Amino acid sequence: MPKWLAWVIDRLSVLHREDQGQDLIEYALTVALLSLVVVAASGSLAIQISTGMSSVGEKFKKHADHGLHLGWYK
């Protein structure tokens, strides 16, 4: 077995036995999961905002077309 491979295996076995970084890894995984949820939800939220703004624009145009204007807009 090459020396470097023995060193890698030794380091991995030490990491496997120690649990010092376990909390940090759990926090990182939690943040990653929450980030994925936010990214997935933002697409849906963007569509809802776009739909709402289009609806407001259509209502404004409808009222403007029916003569409900301020007098200077014709």
Protein backbone atom coordinates (compact mmCIF):
# COMPACT_ATOMS: atom_id res chain seq x y z
CA MET A 1 0.00 0.00 0.00
CA PRO A 2 1.41 3.42 -0.92
CA LYS A 3 2.40 5.71 1.93
CA TRP A 4 -0.04 8.45 0.91
CA LEU A 5 -2.97 6.03 0.81
CA ALA A 6 -2.14 4.77 4.31
CA TRP A 7 -2.03 8.39 5.48
CA VAL A 8 -5.45 9.15 3.91
CA ILE A 9 -6.99 6.04 5.47
CA ASP A 10 -5.50 6.96 8.84
CA ARG A 11 -6.89 10.51 8.61
CA LEU A 12 -10.33 9.24 7.61
CA SER A 13 -10.41 6.79 10.51
CA VAL A 14 -9.47 9.61 12.92
CA LEU A 15 -12.28 11.79 11.49
CA HIS A 16 -14.69 8.90 11.81
CA ARG A 17 -13.91 8.52 15.52
CA GLU A 18 -14.03 12.23 16.38
CA ASP A 19 -17.25 14.23 16.59
CA GLN A 20 -15.88 17.76 17.06
CA GLY A 21 -17.14 19.09 13.73
CA GLN A 22 -20.47 17.31 13.84
CA ASP A 23 -22.44 20.37 14.99
CA LEU A 24 -20.93 22.54 12.29
CA ILE A 25 -21.79 19.99 9.61
CA GLU A 26 -25.36 19.71 10.91
CA TYR A 27 -25.75 23.51 10.80
CA ALA A 28 -24.32 23.62 7.28
CA LEU A 29 -26.72 20.91 6.10
CA THR A 30 -29.66 22.73 7.73
CA VAL A 31 -28.71 26.00 6.02
CA ALA A 32 -28.33 24.20 2.70
CA LEU A 33 -31.77 22.60 3.05
CA LEU A 34 -33.40 25.90 3.99
CA SER A 35 -31.69 27.57 1.04
CA LEU A 36 -33.12 24.97 -1.32
CA VAL A 37 -36.60 25.51 0.12
CA VAL A 38 -36.31 29.28 -0.31
CA VAL A 39 -35.10 28.94 -3.90
CA ALA A 40 -37.93 26.51 -4.72
CA ALA A 41 -40.55 28.76 -3.11
CA SER A 42 -39.23 31.94 -4.73
CA GLY A 43 -40.26 30.72 -8.18
CA SER A 44 -43.84 30.25 -7.03
CA LEU A 45 -43.81 33.58 -5.21
CA ALA A 46 -42.49 35.37 -8.29
CA ILE A 47 -45.34 33.95 -10.38
CA GLN A 48 -47.91 35.07 -7.80
CA ILE A 49 -46.45 38.59 -7.68
CA SER A 50 -46.39 38.78 -11.47
CA THR A 51 -50.00 37.63 -11.69
CA GLY A 52 -51.07 40.18 -9.08
CA MET A 53 -49.28 43.02 -10.82
CA SER A 54 -50.81 42.04 -14.17
CA SER A 55 -54.25 42.05 -12.58
CA VAL A 56 -53.70 45.53 -11.17
CA GLY A 57 -52.44 46.73 -14.57
CA GLU A 58 -55.47 45.28 -16.34
CA LYS A 59 -57.87 46.93 -13.87
CA PHE A 60 -56.10 50.26 -14.28
CA LYS A 61 -56.26 50.00 -18.07
CA LYS A 62 -59.95 49.01 -17.94
CA HIS A 63 -60.83 52.08 -15.86
CA ALA A 64 -58.70 54.35 -18.02
CA ASP A 65 -60.38 53.02 -21.17
CA HIS A 66 -63.85 53.70 -19.72
CA GLY A 67 -63.17 57.39 -19.25
CA LEU A 68 -62.31 57.34 -15.58
CA HIS A 69 -59.39 59.70 -15.88
CA LEU A 70 -58.30 62.97 -14.34
CA GLY A 71 -59.38 65.22 -17.19
CA TRP A 72 -55.91 65.81 -18.62
CA TYR A 73 -55.57 62.22 -19.80
CA LYS A 74 -57.53 61.56 -22.99
